Every structure is written in C-alpha cells, then in structure tokens.
C-alpha cells in the first residue's frame, strides 16, 4: 500500500453484485490472496487513473476545451497502461495452479 507506514488505513464497505463477487473470488483464488487484499490492490492500482479523471473533470468544469481535456485524459491513460505493462513484464510470474 502506498505510504502505509506513514498513514492510517482507511476502510470502506462495498456491496458487490453476484457476478463481480464471483469474478473477484475466482481471481483471488488464482492469485493466492484474499478477496479484501485483491480489492485493495485493484483499487490502489486505479488511483493514478482516478486522479487523472478528477483533473480532467475539473478542467472541463472550469471551462477548458472539452475535447482537448478528454484527449489529454486518453493520452495519460495510455501512458499509465504502458507503464503498468512494462512493470508487469519485469515482475512476471506464473501464478497458474496445476489441475
């Protein structure tokens, strides 16, 4: 967790539909982790995108060119995805279970 040792851990309650719950359950099993830890990791991985969404929304609400702001969001999203893929290639492990 980012800055876990320097900040308190915030908790939220989340209600999931059955399909999402089953998908998370299966993925957490494949990854050898708990559902809460998986949910935490997924949400924290989304933080850079969430910050960019907030920035884009604020730009549009302040009167900036909507198309320009959305194009900037798209470009930033692609950059974040490319960075994440690069990290994944460096840290790749085979987590599949033998059946």
Protein backbone atom coordinates (compact mmCIF):
# COMPACT_ATOMS: atom_id res chain seq x y z
CA UNK A 1 0.00 0.00 0.00
CA UNK A 2 1.27 3.44 -0.81
CA UNK A 3 2.64 5.20 2.29
CA UNK A 4 1.08 2.52 4.51
CA UNK A 5 3.59 3.04 7.28
CA UNK A 6 3.07 6.82 7.24
CA UNK A 7 -0.72 6.94 7.09
CA UNK A 8 -3.67 5.28 8.70
CA UNK A 9 -5.54 2.62 6.79
CA UNK A 10 -8.94 3.82 5.68
CA UNK A 11 -11.80 1.33 5.46
CA UNK A 12 -14.89 1.31 3.31
CA UNK A 13 -17.73 -1.17 2.91
CA UNK A 14 -18.55 -2.25 -0.63
CA UNK A 15 -21.56 -4.22 -1.80
CA UNK A 16 -20.93 -6.23 -4.97
CA UNK A 17 -23.33 -7.82 -7.41
CA UNK A 18 -23.07 -11.61 -7.69
CA UNK A 19 -21.14 -11.56 -10.98
CA UNK A 20 -18.45 -9.21 -9.68
CA UNK A 21 -18.20 -11.13 -6.42
CA UNK A 22 -17.72 -14.45 -8.22
CA UNK A 23 -15.11 -12.98 -10.58
CA UNK A 24 -13.16 -11.49 -7.67
CA UNK A 25 -13.43 -14.74 -5.72
CA UNK A 26 -12.06 -16.76 -8.63
CA UNK A 27 -9.26 -14.27 -9.37
CA UNK A 28 -8.22 -14.07 -5.71
CA UNK A 29 -8.00 -17.88 -5.65
CA UNK A 30 -5.85 -17.87 -8.80
CA UNK A 31 -3.60 -15.22 -7.27
CA UNK A 32 -3.36 -16.97 -3.90
CA UNK A 33 -4.68 -13.98 -1.99
CA UNK A 34 -7.77 -12.94 -0.09
CA UNK A 35 -10.65 -11.03 -1.63
CA UNK A 36 -10.05 -7.98 0.60
CA UNK A 37 -6.38 -7.86 -0.43
CA UNK A 38 -7.36 -8.26 -4.09
CA UNK A 39 -9.94 -5.46 -3.80
CA UNK A 40 -7.36 -3.24 -2.11
CA UNK A 41 -4.78 -3.92 -4.84
CA UNK A 42 -7.28 -3.32 -7.65
CA UNK A 43 -8.49 -0.05 -6.17
CA UNK A 44 -4.99 1.20 -5.41
CA UNK A 45 -3.90 0.33 -8.95
CA UNK A 46 -6.72 2.60 -10.15
CA UNK A 47 -5.52 5.61 -8.13
CA UNK A 48 -3.44 7.24 -10.90
CA UNK A 49 -6.37 6.96 -13.31
CA UNK A 50 -8.80 8.27 -10.70
CA UNK A 51 -6.56 11.30 -10.14
CA UNK A 52 -6.46 11.92 -13.89
CA UNK A 53 -10.26 11.64 -14.10
CA UNK A 54 -10.59 14.23 -11.33
CA UNK A 55 -8.14 16.55 -13.05
CA UNK A 56 -9.97 16.19 -16.38
CA UNK A 57 -13.35 16.78 -14.78
CA UNK A 58 -12.08 19.90 -13.04
CA UNK A 59 -10.57 21.20 -16.30
CA UNK A 60 -13.85 20.75 -18.14
CA UNK A 61 -15.88 22.31 -15.31
CA UNK A 62 -13.56 25.33 -15.28
CA UNK A 63 -14.35 25.97 -18.93
CA UNK A 64 -11.39 24.32 -20.67
CA UNK A 65 -11.86 22.82 -24.11
CA UNK A 66 -13.67 19.52 -23.50
CA UNK A 67 -12.15 17.68 -26.48
CA UNK A 68 -8.64 18.78 -25.56
CA UNK A 69 -9.14 17.71 -21.93
CA UNK A 70 -10.53 14.31 -22.99
CA UNK A 71 -7.68 13.76 -25.46
CA UNK A 72 -5.22 14.56 -22.68
CA UNK A 73 -7.03 12.02 -20.45
CA UNK A 74 -6.79 9.38 -23.16
CA UNK A 75 -3.09 10.05 -23.71
CA UNK A 76 -2.38 9.89 -19.98
CA UNK A 77 -4.38 6.66 -19.70
CA UNK A 78 -2.36 5.07 -22.48
CA UNK A 79 0.87 6.19 -20.83
CA UNK A 80 -0.23 4.72 -17.49
CA UNK A 81 -1.22 1.45 -19.19
CA UNK A 82 2.14 1.22 -20.98
CA UNK A 83 3.98 1.84 -17.70
CA UNK A 84 1.92 -0.84 -15.98
CA UNK A 85 2.62 -3.31 -18.77
CA UNK A 86 6.34 -2.60 -18.51
CA UNK A 87 6.21 -3.21 -14.75
CA UNK A 88 4.30 -6.43 -15.35
CA UNK A 89 6.91 -7.74 -17.77
CA UNK A 90 9.65 -7.10 -15.22
CA UNK A 91 7.71 -8.75 -12.37
CA UNK A 92 6.02 -11.52 -14.36
CA UNK A 93 5.42 -14.78 -12.57
CA UNK A 94 3.30 -17.77 -13.48
CA UNK A 95 0.54 -17.92 -10.85
CA UNK A 96 -1.47 -20.65 -12.55
CA UNK A 97 -2.35 -23.67 -10.48
CA UNK A 98 -1.93 -27.19 -11.78
CA UNK A 99 -5.21 -29.04 -12.18
